[in-house]
């Protein structure tokens, strides 16, 4: 195979990947309702890790709240687009029972700390690992968001950029449901 043929094939593959990426992100997120490892509305896998302040961040501590669990990374352009809307959702609905939790999939916390300050993130952020990734079914790309109801069950999974209005409607509907009694 000549160098020219190889270069043309490489260019074609790069263009194809770019077109697919653009189409996926232009169309918005893919919502997978009733996502579950064991069926519709399965319990969200619990986890415990340290947040950026070194405090314990455990999903179990948020039972009774609606949780928007956001898997993201500082190098992910679509993640950068949606984080400001998550900051706004936390501002708007935090007092009503919403808790946004960010799980950065960066390799170290240094860029995450800088990003946290730059974007004025107002919710806890921890650094994820492959174990946590596997608990949530593996991450085929970023961002991936899970909406967890007050009962600790997953109600939706969004792959790709999540349109603010759509996820806000899901959150409002779940906030309208009463917290389970202990």
Protein backbone atom coordinates (compact mmCIF):
# COMPACT_ATOMS: atom_id res chain seq x y z
CA UNK A 1 0.00 0.00 0.00
CA UNK A 2 1.42 3.39 -0.93
CA UNK A 3 1.88 6.26 1.49
CA UNK A 4 -0.72 8.26 -0.41
CA UNK A 5 -3.32 5.49 -0.11
CA UNK A 6 -2.59 5.14 3.58
CA UNK A 7 -2.91 8.91 4.06
CA UNK A 8 -6.27 8.97 2.22
CA UNK A 9 -7.60 6.10 4.32
CA UNK A 10 -6.47 7.86 7.50
CA UNK A 11 -8.15 11.10 6.43
CA UNK A 12 -11.36 9.24 5.57
CA UNK A 13 -11.44 7.54 8.97
CA UNK A 14 -10.81 10.85 10.80
CA UNK A 15 -13.60 12.55 8.82
CA UNK A 16 -16.00 9.67 9.48
CA UNK A 17 -15.29 9.72 13.22
CA UNK A 18 -15.74 13.51 13.23
CA UNK A 19 -19.07 13.30 11.43
CA UNK A 20 -20.33 10.60 13.78
CA UNK A 21 -19.19 12.61 16.81
CA UNK A 22 -20.87 15.77 15.48
CA UNK A 23 -24.12 13.93 14.70
CA UNK A 24 -24.20 12.32 18.13
CA UNK A 25 -23.64 15.58 19.97
CA UNK A 26 -25.86 17.66 17.72
CA UNK A 27 -28.76 15.32 18.31
CA UNK A 28 -28.41 15.68 22.08
CA UNK A 29 -28.28 12.94 24.58
CA UNK A 30 -29.57 9.45 24.22
CA UNK A 31 -32.00 8.77 27.05
CA UNK A 32 -32.25 5.21 28.23
CA UNK A 33 -35.33 5.05 30.44
CA UNK A 34 -35.59 2.39 33.07
CA UNK A 35 -31.90 1.57 32.80
CA UNK A 36 -30.96 -1.10 35.23
CA UNK A 37 -28.53 -3.88 35.81
CA UNK A 38 -31.35 -6.05 37.11
CA UNK A 39 -34.40 -4.57 35.37
CA UNK A 40 -36.48 -1.41 35.27
CA UNK A 41 -35.71 1.06 38.04
CA UNK A 42 -32.97 -1.00 39.61
CA UNK A 43 -31.15 0.41 42.65
CA UNK A 44 -28.26 2.73 41.86
CA UNK A 45 -25.01 0.98 42.82
CA UNK A 46 -23.67 2.49 46.03
CA UNK A 47 -20.13 3.82 46.19
CA UNK A 48 -17.87 5.68 48.57
CA UNK A 49 -14.94 7.83 47.54
CA UNK A 50 -13.29 11.05 48.65
CA UNK A 51 -14.43 14.38 47.31
CA UNK A 52 -11.98 17.14 46.39
CA UNK A 53 -11.90 18.33 50.02
CA UNK A 54 -11.03 14.85 51.28
CA UNK A 55 -14.50 14.31 52.74
CA UNK A 56 -16.36 11.04 52.29
CA UNK A 57 -18.69 11.06 49.28
CA UNK A 58 -21.12 8.15 49.51
CA UNK A 59 -24.24 7.80 47.39
CA UNK A 60 -26.05 6.22 50.37
CA UNK A 61 -25.83 9.57 52.18
CA UNK A 62 -28.22 11.07 49.63
CA UNK A 63 -31.09 8.62 50.02
CA UNK A 64 -34.34 10.58 50.02
CA UNK A 65 -32.93 13.10 47.55
CA UNK A 66 -33.10 13.15 43.77
CA UNK A 67 -29.53 12.70 42.55
CA UNK A 68 -28.07 13.72 39.22
CA UNK A 69 -24.91 11.63 38.96
CA UNK A 70 -22.62 13.08 36.31
CA UNK A 71 -19.62 11.14 34.97
CA UNK A 72 -17.34 13.63 33.19
CA UNK A 73 -13.73 14.74 32.60
CA UNK A 74 -11.97 18.09 32.29
CA UNK A 75 -10.72 17.25 28.77
CA UNK A 76 -14.25 16.37 27.54
CA UNK A 77 -15.68 19.25 25.45
CA UNK A 78 -19.34 18.14 25.77
CA UNK A 79 -18.85 17.84 29.55
CA UNK A 80 -17.67 21.45 29.65
CA UNK A 81 -20.88 22.45 27.83
CA UNK A 82 -23.26 20.85 30.31
CA UNK A 83 -21.60 21.50 33.68
CA UNK A 84 -22.82 25.13 33.87
CA UNK A 85 -26.41 23.89 33.49
CA UNK A 86 -25.83 21.40 36.34
CA UNK A 87 -24.53 24.24 38.54
CA UNK A 88 -27.75 26.11 37.73
CA UNK A 89 -29.93 23.05 38.46
CA UNK A 90 -28.21 22.67 41.85
CA UNK A 91 -28.88 26.34 42.57
CA UNK A 92 -32.51 26.12 41.48
CA UNK A 93 -33.55 22.77 43.02
CA UNK A 94 -31.04 22.03 45.77
CA UNK A 95 -33.36 23.35 48.48
CA UNK A 96 -36.15 21.13 47.06
CA UNK A 97 -34.13 17.94 47.39
CA UNK A 98 -31.86 17.75 44.32
CA UNK A 99 -28.23 16.79 44.74
CA UNK A 100 -25.87 16.89 41.77
CA UNK A 101 -22.77 14.71 42.23
CA UNK A 102 -19.87 14.95 39.81
CA UNK A 103 -17.60 11.98 39.19
CA UNK A 104 -14.53 13.06 37.26
CA UNK A 105 -12.83 10.34 35.25
CA UNK A 106 -9.58 12.32 35.03
CA UNK A 107 -6.38 10.52 36.01
CA UNK A 108 -5.49 13.01 38.76
CA UNK A 109 -7.22 15.60 40.88
CA UNK A 110 -5.05 18.62 39.88
CA UNK A 111 -6.92 19.51 36.67
CA UNK A 112 -10.23 18.73 38.40
CA UNK A 113 -9.50 21.19 41.23
CA UNK A 114 -8.64 23.92 38.71
CA UNK A 115 -11.76 23.14 36.68
CA UNK A 116 -13.92 23.10 39.85
CA UNK A 117 -12.83 26.65 40.72
CA UNK A 118 -13.01 27.93 37.13
CA UNK A 119 -16.58 26.70 36.61
CA UNK A 120 -17.77 27.61 40.15
CA UNK A 121 -19.06 24.09 40.73
CA UNK A 122 -21.42 24.08 43.72
CA UNK A 123 -21.81 20.35 44.27
CA UNK A 124 -19.50 17.56 45.44
CA UNK A 125 -17.01 16.13 42.97
CA UNK A 126 -14.96 12.97 43.39
CA UNK A 127 -12.46 11.16 41.20
CA UNK A 128 -13.85 7.93 39.74
CA UNK A 129 -11.97 4.76 38.93
CA UNK A 130 -12.45 1.63 36.86
CA UNK A 131 -14.26 -0.12 39.73
CA UNK A 132 -16.90 2.62 39.92
CA UNK A 133 -17.09 2.69 36.13
CA UNK A 134 -17.89 -1.03 36.09
CA UNK A 135 -20.52 -0.65 38.83
CA UNK A 136 -22.40 1.64 36.44
CA UNK A 137 -22.18 -0.69 33.48
CA UNK A 138 -18.99 0.64 31.93
CA UNK A 139 -18.62 4.06 30.36
CA UNK A 140 -18.50 4.00 26.59
CA UNK A 141 -17.89 7.73 26.43
CA UNK A 142 -18.38 10.92 28.37
CA UNK A 143 -20.46 12.57 29.58
CA UNK A 144 -22.85 9.99 31.00
CA UNK A 145 -25.50 11.02 33.53
CA UNK A 146 -27.83 9.02 35.73
CA UNK A 147 -30.95 10.43 37.34
CA UNK A 148 -31.64 8.65 40.62
CA UNK A 149 -34.97 9.01 42.41
CA UNK A 150 -35.60 9.61 46.09
CA UNK A 151 -35.97 5.83 46.47
CA UNK A 152 -32.36 5.25 45.31
CA UNK A 153 -33.38 3.76 41.97
CA UNK A 154 -32.09 4.80 38.54
CA UNK A 155 -34.83 6.42 36.48
CA UNK A 156 -32.82 7.43 33.44
CA UNK A 157 -29.39 7.33 31.86
CA UNK A 158 -28.21 9.98 29.41
CA UNK A 159 -25.29 9.40 27.07
CA UNK A 160 -23.77 12.51 25.53
CA UNK A 161 -24.72 16.15 26.08
CA UNK A 162 -27.93 16.29 28.08
CA UNK A 163 -30.41 18.98 26.99
CA UNK A 164 -31.15 21.10 30.06
CA UNK A 165 -34.91 21.28 29.57
CA UNK A 166 -35.32 17.51 29.28
CA UNK A 167 -33.32 16.60 32.34
CA UNK A 168 -34.92 19.43 34.29
CA UNK A 169 -38.37 17.97 33.58
CA UNK A 170 -37.23 14.55 34.80
CA UNK A 171 -35.80 16.10 37.96
CA UNK A 172 -38.95 18.14 38.64
CA UNK A 173 -41.13 15.04 38.23
CA UNK A 174 -38.98 13.05 40.67
CA UNK A 175 -38.85 15.96 43.14
CA UNK A 176 -42.66 15.94 43.13
CA UNK A 177 -42.69 12.40 44.51
CA UNK A 178 -42.54 12.06 48.30
CA UNK A 179 -39.39 10.78 49.92
CA UNK A 180 -39.73 7.14 51.01
CA UNK A 181 -40.40 6.65 54.68
CA UNK A 182 -37.59 5.12 56.65
